[in-house]
Amino acid sequence: MGIRFGFTAARKWKSAVMLGLLACLLVSATSCAVERHSNPGSSDGGWQPWQILETQTGHTLHFLDWIKDLERHDIVYLGEEHHNPYHIQAALKVLDQLVADGIDPTIGMEMFGWDGQQALDGYISTTQPVTNEFLEQVRWKQNWGGAFEDYAPLVTFARDHHVSVRAMNPPKPLVRRVVKLGLDQAKQEPEWAGWGILQEDIVDDPAYRERIVDQLRRCHGGNEEHYRTMYEASMVRDEGMARTLVIRQEELRRDGGGARHIIVSYTGGGHVQYNLPVPKRVARRLGGGVKQATVYMVSFEANRTDEVRALMQEPIADYIWLTPMGKRQPSQPCR
């Protein structure tokens, strides 16, 4: 009995470690009629926190001009460095302006799993929410962990403004099984059928594979089998998040008139990098008939200028939004 228990515990530990590495990988990615405003010093590294950089031109954009451009899109992706409160502040700034301009946003959040959607809906709709009960019902510790306070402002905004929030992630137990067993074997388990994703296409895109597997090899120890299952888990998460956004986009199209709608997707930056993880899968599912914009938020100080320049050179997103540093130092890119 002791030997069997030890073996099982070791397997659970290994699965948890690999899932943590996968989450870390996806957080760190290396980790149009708008009036353009150049910053003469920007090409020489004269950037400052709160500047918005258009990667196609290298120009900095005034916030209100930039928002007018974003409002022409159906889905706007905000990619954060987790646990930086300034990134939450940036998202709230976007959402506030959308509402002020008469647009009804939907917030998609990576931090919630599909198995918490009902609890999330209830929490947002109530006038007297009980946070502890909500966190239990939404399975916060199982699906995300960390301090809920980091992300509570987005949920509070949704409740105050009667905005829909969509839980973007497949339930964590499904992802763990892929990390442990691989995709083909995990899909044979009964839990998959309950979420209606057995018939879903989980597309192995060559460009996505090259980017993700390369990051795994450079950033994490392990062997090729580990990389394979972690990569497959990455596919499941990104395909699942794309599915969530597509379902909402199709709902909005069916609803037709009324207020203008925009989906604001809030995830780790790794899920928007180079348009590959989620945006490309959304475009595939909608037949390309969707206007999308990606924003990659970077904790910035002067010693990160070269890093930002590299992100601009091979554009990691349509826009890079420089913010102040959070309490935690951002993870350094693998070389």
Protein backbone atom coordinates (compact mmCIF):
# COMPACT_ATOMS: atom_id res chain seq x y z
CA MET A 1 0.00 0.00 0.00
CA GLY A 2 2.81 2.42 0.88
CA ILE A 3 4.59 1.81 -2.41
CA ARG A 4 1.42 2.27 -4.43
CA PHE A 5 0.60 5.50 -2.59
CA GLY A 6 4.07 6.87 -3.17
CA PHE A 7 3.91 6.07 -6.87
CA THR A 8 0.51 7.74 -7.22
CA ALA A 9 1.63 10.81 -5.30
CA ALA A 10 4.74 11.11 -7.44
CA ARG A 11 2.65 10.96 -10.60
CA LYS A 12 0.34 13.66 -9.27
CA TRP A 13 3.30 15.81 -8.33
CA LYS A 14 4.84 15.35 -11.78
CA SER A 15 1.56 16.28 -13.46
CA ALA A 16 1.20 19.39 -11.29
CA VAL A 17 4.75 20.50 -12.00
CA MET A 18 4.31 20.06 -15.75
CA LEU A 19 1.01 21.96 -15.69
CA GLY A 20 2.69 24.77 -13.78
CA LEU A 21 5.44 24.93 -16.36
CA LEU A 22 2.85 25.08 -19.11
CA ALA A 23 1.08 27.98 -17.42
CA CYS A 24 4.40 29.77 -16.97
CA LEU A 25 5.22 29.29 -20.64
CA LEU A 26 1.93 30.76 -21.78
CA VAL A 27 2.30 33.80 -19.53
CA SER A 28 5.72 34.74 -20.93
CA ALA A 29 5.83 35.01 -24.68
CA THR A 30 9.56 35.43 -24.99
CA SER A 31 7.93 34.75 -21.02
CA CYS A 32 -6.82 51.81 -39.96
CA ALA A 33 -7.63 55.32 -39.69
CA VAL A 34 -6.11 56.39 -36.44
CA GLU A 35 -4.15 59.60 -36.25
CA ARG A 36 -0.52 58.61 -35.66
CA HIS A 37 1.71 60.42 -33.19
CA SER A 38 5.40 59.67 -33.37
CA ASN A 39 7.62 59.95 -30.36
CA PRO A 40 10.90 61.27 -31.79
CA GLY A 41 12.92 59.40 -29.20
CA SER A 42 11.06 56.12 -29.38
CA SER A 43 13.33 54.44 -31.91
CA ASP A 44 16.26 55.24 -29.62
CA GLY A 45 14.55 53.76 -26.57
CA GLY A 46 12.91 56.94 -25.30
CA TRP A 47 9.76 55.09 -24.29
CA GLN A 48 7.81 55.75 -21.11
CA PRO A 49 5.24 53.80 -19.11
CA TRP A 50 1.67 54.16 -20.39
CA GLN A 51 2.74 54.68 -23.98
CA ILE A 52 0.96 52.61 -26.62
CA LEU A 53 3.20 51.48 -29.48
CA GLU A 54 1.87 50.48 -32.86
CA THR A 55 4.18 47.67 -33.93
CA GLN A 56 3.57 48.10 -37.66
CA THR A 57 4.89 51.65 -37.70
CA GLY A 58 6.74 52.06 -34.39
CA HIS A 59 4.61 55.14 -33.64
CA THR A 60 3.14 55.95 -30.27
CA LEU A 61 -0.61 56.54 -30.15
CA HIS A 62 -2.73 58.79 -28.02
CA PHE A 63 -5.14 56.72 -25.96
CA LEU A 64 -8.39 58.19 -27.26
CA ASP A 65 -7.30 57.91 -30.89
CA TRP A 66 -6.25 54.33 -30.27
CA ILE A 67 -9.58 53.46 -28.64
CA LYS A 68 -11.43 54.73 -31.70
CA ASP A 69 -9.40 52.26 -33.74
CA LEU A 70 -10.10 49.39 -31.33
CA GLU A 71 -13.81 50.14 -31.49
CA ARG A 72 -13.79 49.09 -35.15
CA HIS A 73 -13.00 45.54 -34.11
CA ASP A 74 -15.18 42.66 -32.93
CA ILE A 75 -12.66 41.18 -30.49
CA VAL A 76 -9.83 42.96 -28.67
CA TYR A 77 -7.22 40.79 -26.96
CA LEU A 78 -5.42 42.19 -23.92
CA GLY A 79 -2.42 40.05 -23.00
CA GLU A 80 -1.09 40.64 -19.52
CA GLU A 81 1.85 39.72 -17.33
CA HIS A 82 0.04 38.01 -14.46
CA HIS A 83 -0.20 39.78 -11.11
CA ASN A 84 0.71 43.25 -12.39
CA PRO A 85 -2.05 45.54 -11.04
CA TYR A 86 -1.25 48.12 -13.71
CA HIS A 87 -2.38 45.66 -16.35
CA ILE A 88 -5.74 45.37 -14.63
CA GLN A 89 -5.80 49.16 -14.48
CA ALA A 90 -5.11 49.29 -18.21
CA ALA A 91 -7.94 46.87 -18.95
CA LEU A 92 -10.33 48.93 -16.83
CA LYS A 93 -9.29 52.04 -18.71
CA VAL A 94 -10.24 50.38 -21.98
CA LEU A 95 -13.54 49.07 -20.60
CA ASP A 96 -14.47 52.43 -19.07
CA GLN A 97 -13.95 54.16 -22.40
CA LEU A 98 -15.94 51.56 -24.32
CA VAL A 99 -18.88 52.02 -21.97
CA ALA A 100 -18.53 55.81 -22.16
CA ASP A 101 -18.73 55.53 -25.95
CA GLY A 102 -21.97 53.56 -25.76
CA ILE A 103 -20.43 50.15 -26.45
CA ASP A 104 -21.52 47.06 -24.53
CA PRO A 105 -18.43 44.94 -23.84
CA THR A 106 -18.23 41.28 -22.99
CA ILE A 107 -15.21 40.36 -20.87
CA GLY A 108 -13.58 37.00 -21.53
CA MET A 109 -11.30 35.89 -18.69
CA GLU A 110 -8.71 33.14 -18.75
CA MET A 111 -8.83 33.01 -14.95
CA PHE A 112 -12.17 31.18 -14.88
CA GLY A 113 -12.94 27.68 -16.12
CA TRP A 114 -16.08 26.58 -17.93
CA ASP A 115 -17.15 24.66 -14.83
CA GLY A 116 -17.47 27.99 -13.00
CA GLN A 117 -19.64 29.85 -15.52
CA GLN A 118 -22.91 29.40 -13.66
CA ALA A 119 -21.38 30.66 -10.41
CA LEU A 120 -19.77 33.55 -12.27
CA ASP A 121 -23.12 34.57 -13.76
CA GLY A 122 -24.75 34.45 -10.35
CA TYR A 123 -22.02 36.48 -8.67
CA ILE A 124 -22.18 39.23 -11.28
CA SER A 125 -25.96 39.48 -11.22
CA THR A 126 -26.39 39.69 -7.44
CA THR A 127 -26.37 42.97 -5.54
CA GLN A 128 -24.98 41.41 -2.36
CA PRO A 129 -22.28 38.95 -3.44
CA VAL A 130 -20.57 36.67 -0.93
CA THR A 131 -17.04 36.35 -2.23
CA ASN A 132 -15.93 33.32 -0.21
CA GLU A 133 -18.90 31.27 -1.36
CA PHE A 134 -18.36 32.45 -4.92
CA LEU A 135 -14.73 31.36 -4.94
CA GLU A 136 -15.74 27.90 -3.77
CA GLN A 137 -18.51 27.61 -6.36
CA VAL A 138 -16.35 28.90 -9.20
CA ARG A 139 -13.52 26.52 -8.20
CA TRP A 140 -11.04 29.36 -8.08
CA LYS A 141 -8.24 27.43 -6.38
CA GLN A 142 -8.61 24.45 -8.70
CA ASN A 143 -8.83 26.44 -11.93
CA TRP A 144 -6.53 29.35 -11.23
CA GLY A 145 -5.22 29.87 -7.69
CA GLY A 146 -3.42 32.93 -6.44
CA ALA A 147 -5.13 35.98 -5.01
CA PHE A 148 -8.61 36.63 -6.35
CA GLU A 149 -8.07 40.26 -5.37
CA ASP A 150 -5.69 40.57 -8.32
CA TYR A 151 -8.57 40.10 -10.75
CA ALA A 152 -11.55 41.15 -8.66
CA PRO A 153 -11.64 44.68 -10.18
CA LEU A 154 -12.63 43.24 -13.56
CA VAL A 155 -15.45 41.22 -12.00
CA THR A 156 -16.58 44.24 -9.97
CA PHE A 157 -16.62 46.36 -13.12
CA ALA A 158 -18.81 43.75 -14.81
CA ARG A 159 -21.25 43.69 -11.90
CA ASP A 160 -21.42 47.49 -11.64
CA HIS A 161 -22.01 47.92 -15.38
CA HIS A 162 -24.13 44.80 -16.00
CA VAL A 163 -21.51 43.38 -18.32
CA SER A 164 -21.29 39.71 -19.25
CA VAL A 165 -18.14 37.79 -18.24
CA ARG A 166 -17.26 34.56 -20.02
CA ALA A 167 -15.11 31.89 -18.40
CA MET A 168 -12.63 31.09 -21.16
CA ASN A 169 -10.66 28.08 -19.98
CA PRO A 170 -11.51 24.40 -20.23
CA PRO A 171 -11.77 22.92 -16.72
CA LYS A 172 -8.32 22.37 -15.24
CA PRO A 173 -8.85 18.61 -14.66
CA LEU A 174 -9.20 18.12 -18.43
CA VAL A 175 -5.96 19.99 -19.09
CA ARG A 176 -4.13 18.04 -16.38
CA ARG A 177 -5.17 14.77 -18.00
CA VAL A 178 -3.71 15.90 -21.32
CA VAL A 179 -0.43 16.83 -19.64
CA LYS A 180 -0.34 13.43 -17.98
CA LEU A 181 -1.65 11.13 -20.72
CA GLY A 182 -1.45 13.00 -24.00
CA LEU A 183 -4.41 14.25 -26.03
CA ASP A 184 -5.51 11.04 -27.75
CA GLN A 185 -5.71 9.05 -24.55
CA ALA A 186 -7.24 11.86 -22.50
CA LYS A 187 -10.07 12.25 -25.02
CA GLN A 188 -11.14 8.65 -24.33
CA GLU A 189 -12.05 9.53 -20.76
CA PRO A 190 -15.74 10.19 -19.92
CA GLU A 191 -15.11 13.71 -18.58
CA TRP A 192 -14.54 14.99 -22.10
CA ALA A 193 -18.00 14.07 -23.35
CA GLY A 194 -19.68 16.21 -20.70
CA TRP A 195 -18.20 19.41 -22.10
CA GLY A 196 -19.24 18.85 -25.70
CA ILE A 197 -15.71 19.05 -27.07
CA LEU A 198 -15.21 15.51 -28.32
CA GLN A 199 -16.24 16.64 -31.80
CA GLU A 200 -14.24 19.87 -31.63
CA ASP A 201 -11.30 20.35 -33.96
CA ILE A 202 -8.10 20.85 -31.98
CA VAL A 203 -5.86 21.99 -34.78
CA ASP A 204 -2.13 21.29 -34.75
CA ASP A 205 -0.98 24.44 -36.52
CA PRO A 206 2.66 24.20 -37.71
CA ALA A 207 3.57 27.81 -36.90
CA TYR A 208 2.00 27.51 -33.46
CA ARG A 209 3.76 24.20 -32.83
CA GLU A 210 7.14 25.63 -33.81
CA ARG A 211 6.74 28.61 -31.50
CA ILE A 212 5.42 26.70 -28.47
CA VAL A 213 7.74 23.68 -28.66
CA ASP A 214 10.74 25.94 -29.20
CA GLN A 215 9.84 27.88 -26.05
CA LEU A 216 9.41 24.64 -24.12
CA ARG A 217 12.83 23.38 -25.14
CA ARG A 218 14.55 26.66 -24.30
CA CYS A 219 12.70 27.44 -21.09
CA HIS A 220 12.10 24.11 -19.37
CA GLY A 221 13.85 20.89 -18.63
CA GLY A 222 12.33 17.62 -19.70
CA ASN A 223 12.28 15.26 -22.62
CA GLU A 224 10.46 15.12 -25.94
CA GLU A 225 7.54 13.18 -24.47
CA HIS A 226 7.04 15.87 -21.85
CA TYR A 227 7.18 18.55 -24.52
CA ARG A 228 4.62 16.66 -26.60
CA THR A 229 2.00 16.37 -23.86
CA MET A 230 2.58 19.92 -22.64
CA TYR A 231 2.22 21.18 -26.19
CA GLU A 232 -1.01 19.22 -26.61
CA ALA A 233 -2.32 20.70 -23.36
CA SER A 234 -1.44 24.13 -24.72
CA MET A 235 -3.48 23.38 -27.84
CA VAL A 236 -6.46 22.29 -25.74
CA ARG A 237 -6.40 25.47 -23.68
CA ASP A 238 -6.06 27.82 -26.63
CA GLU A 239 -8.62 25.97 -28.72
CA GLY A 240 -10.98 25.96 -25.75
CA MET A 241 -10.56 29.68 -25.19
CA ALA A 242 -11.11 30.33 -28.89
CA ARG A 243 -14.29 28.24 -28.72
CA THR A 244 -15.58 30.38 -25.84
CA LEU A 245 -15.02 33.62 -27.76
CA VAL A 246 -16.58 32.23 -30.94
CA ILE A 247 -19.71 31.09 -29.11
CA ARG A 248 -20.11 34.58 -27.67
CA GLN A 249 -19.41 36.27 -31.02
CA GLU A 250 -22.05 34.12 -32.70
CA GLU A 251 -24.54 35.00 -29.94
CA LEU A 252 -23.93 38.69 -30.52
CA ARG A 253 -24.39 38.29 -34.27
CA ARG A 254 -27.70 36.53 -33.77
CA ASP A 255 -28.91 39.24 -31.41
CA GLY A 256 -28.49 41.79 -34.17
CA GLY A 257 -29.45 45.38 -33.34
CA GLY A 258 -29.22 47.36 -30.18
CA ALA A 259 -25.97 48.56 -28.68
CA ARG A 260 -22.64 48.05 -30.39
CA HIS A 261 -20.81 45.06 -28.88
CA ILE A 262 -17.11 44.27 -28.48
CA ILE A 263 -15.54 41.26 -26.80
CA VAL A 264 -12.53 42.11 -24.64
CA SER A 265 -10.42 38.99 -24.05
CA TYR A 266 -8.20 39.19 -20.96
CA THR A 267 -5.51 36.50 -20.78
CA GLY A 268 -1.80 36.04 -20.24
CA GLY A 269 0.27 37.54 -23.04
CA GLY A 270 1.34 34.10 -24.22
CA HIS A 271 -2.18 33.45 -25.51
CA VAL A 272 -2.06 36.37 -27.96
CA GLN A 273 1.58 36.23 -29.10
CA TYR A 274 2.08 36.56 -32.85
CA ASN A 275 -1.70 36.10 -33.28
CA LEU A 276 -1.16 32.33 -33.10
CA PRO A 277 -2.58 30.82 -29.89
CA VAL A 278 -6.16 32.14 -29.68
CA PRO A 279 -6.76 34.81 -32.37
CA LYS A 280 -5.83 32.55 -35.30
CA ARG A 281 -8.08 29.79 -33.97
CA VAL A 282 -10.97 32.23 -33.60
CA ALA A 283 -10.48 33.42 -37.18
CA ARG A 284 -10.44 29.82 -38.42
CA ARG A 285 -13.64 28.96 -36.60
CA LEU A 286 -15.42 32.08 -37.90
CA GLY A 287 -14.17 31.64 -41.45
CA GLY A 288 -12.04 34.77 -41.19
CA GLY A 289 -15.10 36.99 -40.92
CA VAL A 290 -14.06 38.72 -37.71
CA LYS A 291 -12.06 41.87 -36.99
CA GLN A 292 -9.50 41.32 -34.24
CA ALA A 293 -6.82 43.41 -32.56
CA THR A 294 -4.11 42.18 -30.19
CA VAL A 295 -2.52 44.20 -27.39
CA TYR A 296 0.55 42.91 -25.54
CA MET A 297 1.11 44.62 -22.19
CA VAL A 298 4.68 44.94 -20.93
CA SER A 299 5.93 46.03 -17.51
CA PHE A 300 8.40 48.70 -18.54
CA GLU A 301 11.45 50.42 -17.19
CA ALA A 302 14.49 51.79 -19.00
CA ASN A 303 16.54 48.57 -18.76
CA ARG A 304 13.87 46.69 -20.76
CA THR A 305 14.24 48.85 -23.86
CA ASP A 306 16.12 46.21 -25.86
CA GLU A 307 13.50 43.63 -24.96
CA VAL A 308 10.70 45.88 -26.17
CA ARG A 309 12.62 46.67 -29.34
CA ALA A 310 12.87 42.93 -30.05
CA LEU A 311 9.11 42.55 -29.53
CA MET A 312 8.56 45.34 -32.02
CA GLN A 313 10.97 43.95 -34.62
CA GLU A 314 9.11 40.65 -34.98
CA PRO A 315 5.74 42.06 -33.95
CA ILE A 316 4.39 40.12 -31.03
CA ALA A 317 1.01 41.87 -31.35
CA ASP A 318 -0.66 44.73 -33.16
CA TYR A 319 0.09 47.01 -30.23
CA ILE A 320 2.45 46.98 -27.26
CA TRP A 321 1.21 48.84 -24.19
CA LEU A 322 3.97 49.85 -21.81
CA THR A 323 2.91 50.02 -18.16
CA PRO A 324 4.68 50.68 -14.88
CA MET A 325 6.33 47.74 -13.18
CA GLY A 326 4.23 45.70 -10.78
CA LYS A 327 5.36 44.55 -7.35
CA ARG A 328 6.82 41.40 -8.84
CA GLN A 329 9.60 41.46 -11.35
CA PRO A 330 8.42 40.11 -14.73
CA SER A 331 9.87 36.82 -15.81
CA GLN A 332 12.85 37.14 -18.09
CA PRO A 333 12.62 35.69 -21.59
CA CYS A 334 14.45 32.48 -22.37
CA ARG A 335 17.41 32.75 -24.71
